[in-house]
Structures are given as C-alpha cells and as structure tokens.
Amino acid sequence: MAVSTTLGRRAFLRSASAAATLTAAAAAAPLTGARAAQATIQATTQGSDLPRTVQLPKGLRPEGITSGPGDRYYVGSLADGRILTGDLSKGTSRVLLPGATGRAIRGLWFDHRSGLVWAAGNVDTEAHVWAVRAWSGRVAHDAVVPDAVFLNDLVVTERAVWVTDSRKDRLTRIALDEDGHPRGSDPEFVDLGGDWPAFDGTNINANGIRQLPEGSLVLNNSSAGGLWQVRPVTGEATEIPVSGGPGIVSGDGLELHDGVLYNVRGSGPDQVAVLRLSHDDGNWRAEWVTALTHDELDVPTTATLAAGWLWTVNARFNTVPDPLTAEYWITRLPARD
C-alpha cells in the first residue's frame, strides 16, 4: 500500500496560550497501484489530552530529540549545544545541559540502562560524543573523535554507541559494558563499504541510524536517498529495497519500533515516511506505507516515540530570516501500527 497522510488544518502555535486541538475526519479505504501513491487520507487526533505542539525557546535551533523514561524528552541545540528536557504530556521545558560557546549538538539517544543521554556534535571544528546524566545534566563522558568531519546521528546498542559522519564514509563506535557505561576511552571506526554511495565531497551522506532486530544497522543517505543495511563488524552496506510509494529520496533522522521505520524527510521536506520492514534470509525489505505530514511541520529533523505518539522536532532550516530569534517547537503525529 502507498498512501500519503495529511493531518488537519493550519494550527501553528505561537505560544502556549494559542494551543488548539485539530480535528479532521478519517476517511478513504486502502488503495493499490498508481492511484495509491497519490492518495490523501485525512486523519484525526481527537481524543487525546496531549498538547499538539511543545514550544521550545526562541533561537534554540533544535536538531535531535530522544525520550525516556515515560513522557520525558531531550532536545539538543545547534546554536550553543544546550540540551533541554521536559514532559511531553505537559508541554514543559527546562535546561538540562547549559550551552557553551562553539558547541553544537545533533543526534541524541537516551539509554534506559545507564540513565545517560548520548549526544553527538562538535565544539568548533573538534568532533565529540558526550554522555550526559539525564537527571543532573552532568557530563559523565566526553570522547573526542579524531579526523571526524560532521558527526550527525547515533544509536545505542547492547554493547556500543554507533555514530554516523555525514561527510566521511565511516561509523564511529564507542564500546559499552553490559550496563551501558563506556568501556575504554578511545573511539573505534568501521569504514562503510559494499554498495554504500561514496561521499562526493559536498553533500550530506550518512545521516539517521538505528539497529535492526537481528543486530545489523539501518542507515539512510540524505543525498543519494534509499535505506541501507550495514553489517557492524565489516561495514558492508546493502541497499534495502523499498516497494511502493514515491521512493525514499532523502532522509534525516530515523526511528524504529516493532518493524515500523519512520524516516524523517524521507519523501518530502515536511514529511515523515512510514515503512514496514520484513526480514528474509539475512536481508531486509521495506514497504512504503504512508507519509505523515502536517501544517505544523517545518523542516523536521528527528523523531521519537513516546506516550503512543510520534514527536518530531522542527529545525526550520532555511525557512526563517534569523534562526537565532526564531520560534521552534515539537509536533505530535500519530504513530502507525
């Protein structure tokens, strides 16, 4: 099936007092073939007391989002490397990690085992991966990554943190013990090979990353498009075939739950592509299910699942005259089964 989902009417919230619940009727039966790719289904978000959006501080320039435990969220800043935390169900926010001159944070991941929020980014031209205590904001670990160019997204697996570099065809690996704490201080590296599209020297390549159920990794490629299965030991990449829909033409953050993969900006600038994964004899396939979009999305970058919903942070790249004074927010979207 290949359908596009459009939610509601324009309801961009300029302040908490402007909060409103969008209503729209659910309609249309599943379509097949060429007509399905062009179909639009209006969905409803009635029946939830959760806020439609969560306002963030002006000038934050958010990029990454993660969540846990419960409705607690974390958002990182490109402007000064702050990490905000708050409650998605209440729409609150406060500073967890204060900002610092020259620091930028992109990918984030909360590890329930250790209570650490892992963050990838840089201080000026020096690349870092930080582990920040989720309750106190204290930096528990700071790994400098040599020869990195543009650390972007990350995922925490059972025994490692894996980080993409969007301008270098390699993954950074930080070893973890069984409790999720760093084991050793030096990052390791795995070169991307196989069918991986080589970095051309100008564009953004490897971006979002998640772990597939059998232990391999899934990456998207912002410039070449597509989804890629990567063997973590060798770095060998194989393209994951995608059936249906308009194709995966780009991509930023990824989120994965129960075989459903959310690819932020995978099929459009203000969309989240939804794909269902299947596994056969060591290889993965994806079926394009729908594209979530909404008037309140403005260049979303990453997403997290919490309280039964998908929450996307809006970076508003190239859509505001002054990013340092612009308004930013998180948008709530319906998760898919």
C-alpha atoms as a PDB file:
ATOM      1  CA  MET A   1       0.000   0.000   0.000  1.00  0.00           C
ATOM      2  CA  ALA A   2       1.241   3.520  -0.771  1.00  0.00           C
ATOM      3  CA  VAL A   3      -0.737   6.433   0.585  1.00  0.00           C
ATOM      4  CA  SER A   4       0.067   9.902   1.857  1.00  0.00           C
ATOM      5  CA  THR A   5      -1.454  11.113   5.125  1.00  0.00           C
ATOM      6  CA  THR A   6      -2.199  14.814   5.637  1.00  0.00           C
ATOM      7  CA  LEU A   7      -3.301  15.915   9.103  1.00  0.00           C
ATOM      8  CA  GLY A   8      -5.589  18.806   9.909  1.00  0.00           C
ATOM      9  CA  ARG A   9      -5.604  22.477   9.051  1.00  0.00           C
ATOM     10  CA  ARG A  10      -3.060  25.192   9.849  1.00  0.00           C
ATOM     11  CA  ALA A  11      -2.605  25.353  13.614  1.00  0.00           C
ATOM     12  CA  PHE A  12       0.879  26.714  14.179  1.00  0.00           C
ATOM     13  CA  LEU A  13       1.113  27.689  17.842  1.00  0.00           C
ATOM     14  CA  ARG A  14       2.923  30.931  18.601  1.00  0.00           C
ATOM     15  CA  SER A  15       2.577  30.491  22.366  1.00  0.00           C
ATOM     16  CA  ALA A  16       1.218  28.041  24.895  1.00  0.00           C
ATOM     17  CA  SER A  17      -1.981  30.050  25.185  1.00  0.00           C
ATOM     18  CA  ALA A  18      -2.640  29.511  21.474  1.00  0.00           C
ATOM     19  CA  ALA A  19      -2.860  25.734  21.882  1.00  0.00           C
ATOM     20  CA  ALA A  20      -5.708  24.144  19.951  1.00  0.00           C
ATOM     21  CA  THR A  21      -6.870  20.668  19.088  1.00  0.00           C
ATOM     22  CA  LEU A  22      -7.048  19.952  15.388  1.00  0.00           C
ATOM     23  CA  THR A  23      -9.951  17.926  14.109  1.00  0.00           C
ATOM     24  CA  ALA A  24     -10.357  16.178  10.801  1.00  0.00           C
ATOM     25  CA  ALA A  25     -12.399  13.236   9.659  1.00  0.00           C
ATOM     26  CA  ALA A  26     -10.760   9.891   8.995  1.00  0.00           C
ATOM     27  CA  ALA A  27     -11.636   8.716   5.510  1.00  0.00           C
ATOM     28  CA  ALA A  28     -10.728   6.580   2.491  1.00  0.00           C
ATOM     29  CA  ALA A  29     -10.154   2.871   2.188  1.00  0.00           C
ATOM     30  CA  PRO A  30      -6.727   1.492   1.258  1.00  0.00           C
ATOM     31  CA  LEU A  31      -5.800   1.984  -2.397  1.00  0.00           C
ATOM     32  CA  THR A  32      -3.465  -0.024  -4.569  1.00  0.00           C
ATOM     33  CA  GLY A  33      -1.319   0.679  -7.597  1.00  0.00           C
ATOM     34  CA  ALA A  34      -0.528   4.096  -9.059  1.00  0.00           C
ATOM     35  CA  ARG A  35      -3.602   5.733  -7.520  1.00  0.00           C
ATOM     36  CA  ALA A  36      -2.426   4.845  -4.019  1.00  0.00           C
ATOM     37  CA  ALA A  37       0.764   6.872  -4.338  1.00  0.00           C
ATOM     38  CA  GLN A  38      -1.291   9.994  -4.983  1.00  0.00           C
ATOM     39  CA  ALA A  39      -3.993   9.373  -2.389  1.00  0.00           C
ATOM     40  CA  THR A  40      -4.514  11.597   0.639  1.00  0.00           C
ATOM     41  CA  ILE A  41      -6.111  10.403   3.855  1.00  0.00           C
ATOM     42  CA  GLN A  42      -7.139  12.914   6.465  1.00  0.00           C
ATOM     43  CA  ALA A  43      -6.588  11.598   9.974  1.00  0.00           C
ATOM     44  CA  THR A  44      -7.958  12.669  13.320  1.00  0.00           C
ATOM     45  CA  THR A  45      -6.061  13.330  16.540  1.00  0.00           C
ATOM     46  CA  GLN A  46      -9.168  13.887  18.638  1.00  0.00           C
ATOM     47  CA  GLY A  47      -9.485  12.083  21.942  1.00  0.00           C
ATOM     48  CA  SER A  48      -6.042  12.987  23.263  1.00  0.00           C
ATOM     49  CA  ASP A  49      -5.332  15.465  26.039  1.00  0.00           C
ATOM     50  CA  LEU A  50      -1.685  15.720  24.980  1.00  0.00           C
ATOM     51  CA  PRO A  51      -0.518  19.035  23.530  1.00  0.00           C
ATOM     52  CA  ARG A  52      -0.468  19.291  19.762  1.00  0.00           C
ATOM     53  CA  THR A  53       2.909  21.059  19.965  1.00  0.00           C
ATOM     54  CA  VAL A  54       5.533  21.668  22.629  1.00  0.00           C
ATOM     55  CA  GLN A  55       7.080  25.107  22.430  1.00  0.00           C
ATOM     56  CA  LEU A  56      10.864  25.410  22.658  1.00  0.00           C
ATOM     57  CA  PRO A  57      12.915  28.511  23.496  1.00  0.00           C
ATOM     58  CA  LYS A  58      13.381  31.076  20.756  1.00  0.00           C
ATOM     59  CA  GLY A  59      16.691  30.792  18.942  1.00  0.00           C
ATOM     60  CA  LEU A  60      17.295  27.221  20.118  1.00  0.00           C
ATOM     61  CA  ARG A  61      17.910  25.802  16.619  1.00  0.00           C
ATOM     62  CA  PRO A  62      16.917  22.254  17.619  1.00  0.00           C
ATOM     63  CA  GLU A  63      18.197  19.215  15.760  1.00  0.00           C
ATOM     64  CA  GLY A  64      17.984  15.978  17.755  1.00  0.00           C
ATOM     65  CA  ILE A  65      15.284  14.550  20.009  1.00  0.00           C
ATOM     66  CA  THR A  66      15.068  11.463  22.201  1.00  0.00           C
ATOM     67  CA  SER A  67      12.835  10.397  25.074  1.00  0.00           C
ATOM     68  CA  GLY A  68      12.606   8.300  28.214  1.00  0.00           C
ATOM     69  CA  PRO A  69      11.608   7.258  30.685  1.00  0.00           C
ATOM     70  CA  GLY A  70       7.910   7.786  30.096  1.00  0.00           C
ATOM     71  CA  ASP A  71       6.992  11.161  28.581  1.00  0.00           C
ATOM     72  CA  ARG A  72      10.322  12.811  29.397  1.00  0.00           C
ATOM     73  CA  TYR A  73      12.126  14.208  26.329  1.00  0.00           C
ATOM     74  CA  TYR A  74      15.514  15.705  25.451  1.00  0.00           C
ATOM     75  CA  VAL A  75      16.279  18.133  22.619  1.00  0.00           C
ATOM     76  CA  GLY A  76      19.713  19.348  21.552  1.00  0.00           C
ATOM     77  CA  SER A  77      20.701  22.758  20.174  1.00  0.00           C
ATOM     78  CA  LEU A  78      22.787  23.660  17.152  1.00  0.00           C
ATOM     79  CA  ALA A  79      23.087  27.227  18.445  1.00  0.00           C
ATOM     80  CA  ASP A  80      25.058  26.587  21.639  1.00  0.00           C
ATOM     81  CA  GLY A  81      24.930  22.877  22.437  1.00  0.00           C
ATOM     82  CA  ARG A  82      22.271  23.107  25.131  1.00  0.00           C
ATOM     83  CA  ILE A  83      20.211  20.056  25.974  1.00  0.00           C
ATOM     84  CA  LEU A  84      16.637  20.750  27.044  1.00  0.00           C
ATOM     85  CA  THR A  85      14.426  18.325  28.892  1.00  0.00           C
ATOM     86  CA  GLY A  86      10.765  18.365  29.818  1.00  0.00           C
ATOM     87  CA  ASP A  87       7.497  16.467  29.858  1.00  0.00           C
ATOM     88  CA  LEU A  88       5.773  15.928  26.512  1.00  0.00           C
ATOM     89  CA  SER A  89       2.386  15.352  28.162  1.00  0.00           C
ATOM     90  CA  LYS A  90       2.610  18.707  29.964  1.00  0.00           C
ATOM     91  CA  GLY A  91       4.437  20.687  27.273  1.00  0.00           C
ATOM     92  CA  THR A  92       7.189  21.823  29.639  1.00  0.00           C
ATOM     93  CA  SER A  93      10.886  22.505  29.063  1.00  0.00           C
ATOM     94  CA  ARG A  94      13.965  23.371  31.095  1.00  0.00           C
ATOM     95  CA  VAL A  95      17.719  23.368  30.537  1.00  0.00           C
ATOM     96  CA  LEU A  96      19.453  20.106  31.428  1.00  0.00           C
ATOM     97  CA  LEU A  97      22.915  20.842  29.993  1.00  0.00           C
ATOM     98  CA  PRO A  98      23.770  24.563  29.724  1.00  0.00           C
ATOM     99  CA  GLY A  99      25.046  25.910  26.425  1.00  0.00           C
ATOM    100  CA  ALA A 100      28.694  26.633  25.619  1.00  0.00           C
ATOM    101  CA  THR A 101      30.343  28.836  23.013  1.00  0.00           C
ATOM    102  CA  GLY A 102      31.111  26.968  19.801  1.00  0.00           C
ATOM    103  CA  ARG A 103      29.266  23.792  20.749  1.00  0.00           C
ATOM    104  CA  ALA A 104      26.614  22.205  18.531  1.00  0.00           C
ATOM    105  CA  ILE A 105      24.636  19.050  19.299  1.00  0.00           C
ATOM    106  CA  ARG A 106      22.879  16.938  16.689  1.00  0.00           C
ATOM    107  CA  GLY A 107      21.995  13.283  17.379  1.00  0.00           C
ATOM    108  CA  LEU A 108      20.646  12.216  20.810  1.00  0.00           C
ATOM    109  CA  TRP A 109      19.796   8.882  22.422  1.00  0.00           C
ATOM    110  CA  PHE A 110      18.569   8.075  25.937  1.00  0.00           C
ATOM    111  CA  ASP A 111      19.816   4.757  27.346  1.00  0.00           C
ATOM    112  CA  HIS A 112      17.437   3.353  29.982  1.00  0.00           C
ATOM    113  CA  ARG A 113      20.130   1.087  31.447  1.00  0.00           C
ATOM    114  CA  SER A 114      22.578   3.799  32.442  1.00  0.00           C
ATOM    115  CA  GLY A 115      20.361   6.886  32.606  1.00  0.00           C
ATOM    116  CA  LEU A 116      22.738   8.569  30.146  1.00  0.00           C
ATOM    117  CA  VAL A 117      21.746  10.830  27.284  1.00  0.00           C
ATOM    118  CA  TRP A 118      24.278  10.321  24.498  1.00  0.00           C
ATOM    119  CA  ALA A 119      24.896  13.267  22.192  1.00  0.00           C
ATOM    120  CA  ALA A 120      26.930  13.728  19.011  1.00  0.00           C
ATOM    121  CA  GLY A 121      28.227  17.032  17.736  1.00  0.00           C
ATOM    122  CA  ASN A 122      31.193  19.344  17.842  1.00  0.00           C
ATOM    123  CA  VAL A 123      32.946  22.192  19.617  1.00  0.00           C
ATOM    124  CA  ASP A 124      34.104  24.476  16.820  1.00  0.00           C
ATOM    125  CA  THR A 125      35.832  22.024  14.421  1.00  0.00           C
ATOM    126  CA  GLU A 126      36.508  19.296  17.003  1.00  0.00           C
ATOM    127  CA  ALA A 127      34.067  16.370  16.977  1.00  0.00           C
ATOM    128  CA  HIS A 128      32.733  14.986  20.247  1.00  0.00           C
ATOM    129  CA  VAL A 129      30.443  12.301  21.601  1.00  0.00           C
ATOM    130  CA  TRP A 130      29.142  13.122  25.070  1.00  0.00           C
ATOM    131  CA  ALA A 131      27.294  11.116  27.705  1.00  0.00           C
ATOM    132  CA  VAL A 132      25.167  13.370  29.930  1.00  0.00           C
ATOM    133  CA  ARG A 133      23.414  12.236  33.084  1.00  0.00           C
ATOM    134  CA  ALA A 134      19.692  12.541  32.427  1.00  0.00           C
ATOM    135  CA  TRP A 135      18.795  13.772  35.931  1.00  0.00           C
ATOM    136  CA  SER A 136      21.645  16.121  36.844  1.00  0.00           C
ATOM    137  CA  GLY A 137      22.936  17.263  33.441  1.00  0.00           C
ATOM    138  CA  ARG A 138      26.497  16.391  34.447  1.00  0.00           C
ATOM    139  CA  VAL A 139      28.776  15.265  31.620  1.00  0.00           C
ATOM    140  CA  ALA A 140      29.823  11.718  32.540  1.00  0.00           C
ATOM    141  CA  HIS A 141      31.900  11.014  29.428  1.00  0.00           C
ATOM    142  CA  ASP A 142      33.393  13.152  26.653  1.00  0.00           C
ATOM    143  CA  ALA A 143      35.037  11.360  23.729  1.00  0.00           C
ATOM    144  CA  VAL A 144      36.942  13.409  21.166  1.00  0.00           C
ATOM    145  CA  VAL A 145      36.640  11.750  17.750  1.00  0.00           C
ATOM    146  CA  PRO A 146      39.788  12.271  15.655  1.00  0.00           C
ATOM    147  CA  ASP A 147      39.509  13.062  11.935  1.00  0.00           C
ATOM    148  CA  ALA A 148      35.719  13.303  12.108  1.00  0.00           C
ATOM    149  CA  VAL A 149      34.078  15.847   9.839  1.00  0.00           C
ATOM    150  CA  PHE A 150      30.341  16.017  10.644  1.00  0.00           C
ATOM    151  CA  LEU A 151      29.103  13.680  13.360  1.00  0.00           C
ATOM    152  CA  ASN A 152      25.346  13.536  12.983  1.00  0.00           C
ATOM    153  CA  ASP A 153      23.069  10.827  14.406  1.00  0.00           C
ATOM    154  CA  LEU A 154      23.668   7.961  16.813  1.00  0.00           C
ATOM    155  CA  VAL A 155      22.146   4.827  18.270  1.00  0.00           C
ATOM    156  CA  VAL A 156      22.971   2.922  21.440  1.00  0.00           C
ATOM    157  CA  THR A 157      23.039  -0.872  21.119  1.00  0.00           C
ATOM    158  CA  GLU A 158      23.711  -3.510  23.768  1.00  0.00           C
ATOM    159  CA  ARG A 159      27.478  -3.054  23.694  1.00  0.00           C
ATOM    160  CA  ALA A 160      28.225   0.093  21.668  1.00  0.00           C
ATOM    161  CA  VAL A 161      27.313   3.599  20.635  1.00  0.00           C
ATOM    162  CA  TRP A 162      27.298   3.939  16.834  1.00  0.00           C
ATOM    163  CA  VAL A 163      27.603   7.399  15.262  1.00  0.00           C
ATOM    164  CA  THR A 164      27.251   8.481  11.630  1.00  0.00           C
ATOM    165  CA  ASP A 165      29.558  11.000   9.979  1.00  0.00           C
ATOM    166  CA  SER A 166      27.691  12.720   7.175  1.00  0.00           C
ATOM    167  CA  ARG A 167      30.863  13.767   5.379  1.00  0.00           C
ATOM    168  CA  LYS A 168      33.031  10.724   5.927  1.00  0.00           C
ATOM    169  CA  ASP A 169      32.192   7.171   4.893  1.00  0.00           C
ATOM    170  CA  ARG A 170      32.699   5.583   8.277  1.00  0.00           C
ATOM    171  CA  LEU A 171      30.911   4.848  11.532  1.00  0.00           C
ATOM    172  CA  THR A 172      32.319   5.761  14.940  1.00  0.00           C
ATOM    173  CA  ARG A 173      31.959   3.100  17.629  1.00  0.00           C
ATOM    174  CA  ILE A 174      32.253   3.630  21.390  1.00  0.00           C
ATOM    175  CA  ALA A 175      32.348   0.385  23.347  1.00  0.00           C
ATOM    176  CA  LEU A 176      29.958  -0.072  26.299  1.00  0.00           C
ATOM    177  CA  ASP A 177      29.786  -2.503  29.168  1.00  0.00           C
ATOM    178  CA  GLU A 178      26.646  -4.512  29.948  1.00  0.00           C
ATOM    179  CA  ASP A 179      25.225  -1.630  31.999  1.00  0.00           C
ATOM    180  CA  GLY A 180      25.620   0.872  29.175  1.00  0.00           C
ATOM    181  CA  HIS A 181      28.669   2.679  30.535  1.00  0.00           C
ATOM    182  CA  PRO A 182      31.716   3.460  28.360  1.00  0.00           C
ATOM    183  CA  ARG A 183      34.352   0.715  28.291  1.00  0.00           C
ATOM    184  CA  GLY A 184      37.680   2.328  27.421  1.00  0.00           C
ATOM    185  CA  SER A 185      38.195   5.857  26.171  1.00  0.00           C
ATOM    186  CA  ASP A 186      39.233   5.624  22.530  1.00  0.00           C
ATOM    187  CA  PRO A 187      36.628   5.536  19.757  1.00  0.00           C
ATOM    188  CA  GLU A 188      36.877   2.811  17.124  1.00  0.00           C
ATOM    189  CA  PHE A 189      35.962   3.109  13.451  1.00  0.00           C
ATOM    190  CA  VAL A 190      34.277   0.982  10.813  1.00  0.00           C
ATOM    191  CA  ASP A 191      34.529   2.088   7.168  1.00  0.00           C
ATOM    192  CA  LEU A 192      31.353   1.930   5.103  1.00  0.00           C
ATOM    193  CA  GLY A 193      31.749  -0.259   2.041  1.00  0.00           C
ATOM    194  CA  GLY A 194      29.863  -2.664  -0.173  1.00  0.00           C
ATOM    195  CA  ASP A 195      27.114  -0.824  -2.066  1.00  0.00           C
ATOM    196  CA  TRP A 196      27.336   2.329   0.055  1.00  0.00           C
ATOM    197  CA  PRO A 197      27.290   5.512  -2.138  1.00  0.00           C
ATOM    198  CA  ALA A 198      30.660   7.181  -1.583  1.00  0.00           C
ATOM    199  CA  PHE A 199      30.740  10.728  -0.227  1.00  0.00           C
ATOM    200  CA  ASP A 200      31.178  13.166  -3.122  1.00  0.00           C
ATOM    201  CA  GLY A 201      32.892  15.881  -1.102  1.00  0.00           C
ATOM    202  CA  THR A 202      29.968  18.317  -0.947  1.00  0.00           C
ATOM    203  CA  ASN A 203      26.653  16.828   0.169  1.00  0.00           C
ATOM    204  CA  ILE A 204      25.297  15.169   3.329  1.00  0.00           C
ATOM    205  CA  ASN A 205      25.577  11.377   3.137  1.00  0.00           C
ATOM    206  CA  ALA A 206      25.052   9.068   6.127  1.00  0.00           C
ATOM    207  CA  ASN A 207      22.523  10.582   8.496  1.00  0.00           C
ATOM    208  CA  GLY A 208      19.975   8.595  10.508  1.00  0.00           C
ATOM    209  CA  ILE A 209      20.932   5.292  12.126  1.00  0.00           C
ATOM    210  CA  ARG A 210      19.096   2.598  14.078  1.00  0.00           C
ATOM    211  CA  GLN A 211      19.698  -1.051  14.969  1.00  0.00           C
ATOM    212  CA  LEU A 212      17.673  -3.753  13.225  1.00  0.00           C
ATOM    213  CA  PRO A 213      16.326  -6.642  15.336  1.00  0.00           C
ATOM    214  CA  GLU A 214      18.969  -9.178  14.232  1.00  0.00           C
ATOM    215  CA  GLY A 215      21.842  -6.848  15.074  1.00  0.00           C
ATOM    216  CA  SER A 216      22.740  -5.127  11.822  1.00  0.00           C
ATOM    217  CA  LEU A 217      22.265  -1.380  11.389  1.00  0.00           C
ATOM    218  CA  VAL A 218      19.962   0.612   9.134  1.00  0.00           C
ATOM    219  CA  LEU A 219      21.140   3.945   7.715  1.00  0.00           C
ATOM    220  CA  ASN A 220      19.620   6.446   5.357  1.00  0.00           C
ATOM    221  CA  ASN A 221      21.533   8.652   2.925  1.00  0.00           C
ATOM    222  CA  SER A 222      20.478  12.281   2.674  1.00  0.00           C
ATOM    223  CA  SER A 223      21.882  12.923  -0.801  1.00  0.00           C
ATOM    224  CA  ALA A 224      21.623   9.537  -2.543  1.00  0.00           C
ATOM    225  CA  GLY A 225      18.348   8.540  -0.885  1.00  0.00           C
ATOM    226  CA  GLY A 226      17.412   4.998  -0.013  1.00  0.00           C
ATOM    227  CA  LEU A 227      17.848   2.796   3.044  1.00  0.00           C
ATOM    228  CA  TRP A 228      20.926   0.735   3.744  1.00  0.00           C
ATOM    229  CA  GLN A 229      21.589  -2.346   5.862  1.00  0.00           C
ATOM    230  CA  VAL A 230      25.102  -2.259   7.334  1.00  0.00           C
ATOM    231  CA  ARG A 231      26.965  -5.166   8.927  1.00  0.00           C
ATOM    232  CA  PRO A 232      28.571  -3.598  12.006  1.00  0.00           C
ATOM    233  CA  VAL A 233      31.660  -5.819  12.005  1.00  0.00           C
ATOM    234  CA  THR A 234      32.678  -5.207   8.384  1.00  0.00           C
ATOM    235  CA  GLY A 235      30.813  -2.032   7.425  1.00  0.00           C
ATOM    236  CA  GLU A 236      29.483  -3.762   4.331  1.00  0.00           C
ATOM    237  CA  ALA A 237      26.342  -1.953   3.154  1.00  0.00           C
ATOM    238  CA  THR A 238      23.482  -3.411   1.130  1.00  0.00           C
ATOM    239  CA  GLU A 239      20.590  -1.317  -0.153  1.00  0.00           C
ATOM    240  CA  ILE A 240      17.248  -2.260   1.369  1.00  0.00           C
ATOM    241  CA  PRO A 241      14.693  -2.496  -1.459  1.00  0.00           C
ATOM    242  CA  VAL A 242      11.628  -0.297  -0.918  1.00  0.00           C
ATOM    243  CA  SER A 243       8.372  -1.263  -2.588  1.00  0.00           C
ATOM    244  CA  GLY A 244       5.517   1.144  -3.242  1.00  0.00           C
ATOM    245  CA  GLY A 245       5.211   4.856  -2.637  1.00  0.00           C
ATOM    246  CA  PRO A 246       7.262   7.680  -4.140  1.00  0.00           C
ATOM    247  CA  GLY A 247      10.577   6.156  -3.051  1.00  0.00           C
ATOM    248  CA  ILE A 248      12.983   7.280  -0.352  1.00  0.00           C
ATOM    249  CA  VAL A 249      14.681  10.269  -1.921  1.00  0.00           C
ATOM    250  CA  SER A 250      16.436  11.729   1.123  1.00  0.00           C
ATOM    251  CA  GLY A 251      16.280  11.338   4.879  1.00  0.00           C
ATOM    252  CA  ASP A 252      17.304  12.798   8.203  1.00  0.00           C
ATOM    253  CA  GLY A 253      16.543  11.066  11.499  1.00  0.00           C
ATOM    254  CA  LEU A 254      15.234   7.516  11.783  1.00  0.00           C
ATOM    255  CA  GLU A 255      13.003   5.920  14.423  1.00  0.00           C
ATOM    256  CA  LEU A 256      12.207   2.201  14.596  1.00  0.00           C
ATOM    257  CA  HIS A 257       9.602   0.313  16.617  1.00  0.00           C
ATOM    258  CA  ASP A 258       8.025  -3.114  16.137  1.00  0.00           C
ATOM    259  CA  GLY A 259       9.055  -3.370  12.499  1.00  0.00           C
ATOM    260  CA  VAL A 260       7.837   0.139  11.584  1.00  0.00           C
ATOM    261  CA  LEU A 261      10.547   2.539  10.415  1.00  0.00           C
ATOM    262  CA  TYR A 262       9.970   6.298  10.445  1.00  0.00           C
ATOM    263  CA  ASN A 263      12.243   8.202   8.048  1.00  0.00           C
ATOM    264  CA  VAL A 264      12.085  11.940   8.724  1.00  0.00           C
ATOM    265  CA  ARG A 265      12.075  13.907   5.451  1.00  0.00           C
ATOM    266  CA  GLY A 266      12.477  10.649   3.546  1.00  0.00           C
ATOM    267  CA  SER A 267       9.962  11.550   0.855  1.00  0.00           C
ATOM    268  CA  GLY A 268       9.471  15.310   1.226  1.00  0.00           C
ATOM    269  CA  PRO A 269      10.674  18.372   3.124  1.00  0.00           C
ATOM    270  CA  ASP A 270       7.803  18.378   5.647  1.00  0.00           C
ATOM    271  CA  GLN A 271       7.003  14.683   5.798  1.00  0.00           C
ATOM    272  CA  VAL A 272       7.834  11.575   7.781  1.00  0.00           C
ATOM    273  CA  ALA A 273       7.886   8.480   5.573  1.00  0.00           C
ATOM    274  CA  VAL A 274       6.487   5.373   7.267  1.00  0.00           C
ATOM    275  CA  LEU A 275       7.771   1.975   6.139  1.00  0.00           C
ATOM    276  CA  ARG A 276       7.140  -1.565   7.300  1.00  0.00           C
ATOM    277  CA  LEU A 277      10.214  -3.796   7.426  1.00  0.00           C
ATOM    278  CA  SER A 278      10.357  -7.517   6.727  1.00  0.00           C
ATOM    279  CA  HIS A 279      13.246  -9.935   7.045  1.00  0.00           C
ATOM    280  CA  ASP A 280      14.159 -12.894   4.850  1.00  0.00           C
ATOM    281  CA  ASP A 281      17.335 -14.984   4.951  1.00  0.00           C
ATOM    282  CA  GLY A 282      19.520 -12.254   6.434  1.00  0.00           C
ATOM    283  CA  ASN A 283      18.254  -9.452   4.204  1.00  0.00           C
ATOM    284  CA  TRP A 284      15.705  -6.735   4.872  1.00  0.00           C
ATOM    285  CA  ARG A 285      12.955  -5.272   2.703  1.00  0.00           C
ATOM    286  CA  ALA A 286      10.761  -2.233   3.245  1.00  0.00           C
ATOM    287  CA  GLU A 287       7.227  -1.477   2.136  1.00  0.00           C
ATOM    288  CA  TRP A 288       6.217   2.178   1.896  1.00  0.00           C
ATOM    289  CA  VAL A 289       3.053   2.583   3.973  1.00  0.00           C
ATOM    290  CA  THR A 290       2.327   6.307   4.157  1.00  0.00           C
ATOM    291  CA  ALA A 291       3.809   9.764   4.645  1.00  0.00           C
ATOM    292  CA  LEU A 292       2.817  11.725   7.734  1.00  0.00           C
ATOM    293  CA  THR A 293       2.617  15.455   7.249  1.00  0.00           C
ATOM    294  CA  HIS A 294       1.009  18.414   8.963  1.00  0.00           C
ATOM    295  CA  ASP A 295       0.825  22.190   8.641  1.00  0.00           C
ATOM    296  CA  GLU A 296       2.806  22.456  11.876  1.00  0.00           C
ATOM    297  CA  LEU A 297       5.823  20.632  10.444  1.00  0.00           C
ATOM    298  CA  ASP A 298       8.556  22.997   9.299  1.00  0.00           C
ATOM    299  CA  VAL A 299      11.638  21.060   8.161  1.00  0.00           C
ATOM    300  CA  PRO A 300      11.533  18.317  10.801  1.00  0.00           C
ATOM    301  CA  THR A 301      14.842  16.628  11.517  1.00  0.00           C
ATOM    302  CA  THR A 302      14.375  13.810  14.034  1.00  0.00           C
ATOM    303  CA  ALA A 303      11.587  11.995  15.853  1.00  0.00           C
ATOM    304  CA  THR A 304      10.951   9.965  18.984  1.00  0.00           C
ATOM    305  CA  LEU A 305       8.119   7.688  20.084  1.00  0.00           C
ATOM    306  CA  ALA A 306       6.567   8.476  23.477  1.00  0.00           C
ATOM    307  CA  ALA A 307       3.110   8.210  25.061  1.00  0.00           C
ATOM    308  CA  GLY A 308       1.867   6.319  21.995  1.00  0.00           C
ATOM    309  CA  TRP A 309       2.672   9.160  19.580  1.00  0.00           C
ATOM    310  CA  LEU A 310       5.484  10.221  17.275  1.00  0.00           C
ATOM    311  CA  TRP A 311       7.084  13.543  18.261  1.00  0.00           C
ATOM    312  CA  THR A 312       9.120  15.441  15.679  1.00  0.00           C
ATOM    313  CA  VAL A 313      11.381  18.414  16.270  1.00  0.00           C
ATOM    314  CA  ASN A 314      11.274  21.218  13.674  1.00  0.00           C
ATOM    315  CA  ALA A 315      14.638  22.710  12.701  1.00  0.00           C
ATOM    316  CA  ARG A 316      13.116  25.213  10.240  1.00  0.00           C
ATOM    317  CA  PHE A 317      16.274  25.164   8.083  1.00  0.00           C
ATOM    318  CA  ASN A 318      16.242  27.999   5.530  1.00  0.00           C
ATOM    319  CA  THR A 319      12.639  28.962   6.347  1.00  0.00           C
ATOM    320  CA  VAL A 320      13.236  31.747   8.878  1.00  0.00           C
ATOM    321  CA  PRO A 321      15.138  35.022   8.341  1.00  0.00           C
ATOM    322  CA  ASP A 322      17.003  34.874  11.654  1.00  0.00           C
ATOM    323  CA  PRO A 323      17.424  31.418  13.249  1.00  0.00           C
ATOM    324  CA  LEU A 324      18.763  32.939  16.472  1.00  0.00           C
ATOM    325  CA  THR A 325      15.468  34.720  17.186  1.00  0.00           C
ATOM    326  CA  ALA A 326      13.018  32.321  15.505  1.00  0.00           C
ATOM    327  CA  GLU A 327      10.405  30.219  17.278  1.00  0.00           C
ATOM    328  CA  TYR A 328      10.806  26.447  17.427  1.00  0.00           C
ATOM    329  CA  TRP A 329       8.575  23.612  18.562  1.00  0.00           C
ATOM    330  CA  ILE A 330       7.952  19.852  18.676  1.00  0.00           C
ATOM    331  CA  THR A 331       4.990  18.466  16.719  1.00  0.00           C
ATOM    332  CA  ARG A 332       2.938  15.434  17.744  1.00  0.00           C
ATOM    333  CA  LEU A 333       1.988  12.964  14.991  1.00  0.00           C
ATOM    334  CA  PRO A 334       0.081   9.676  15.123  1.00  0.00           C
ATOM    335  CA  ALA A 335       2.233   6.566  15.370  1.00  0.00           C
ATOM    336  CA  ARG A 336       1.466   3.728  12.995  1.00  0.00           C
ATOM    337  CA  ASP A 337       0.798   0.061  13.758  1.00  0.00           C
END
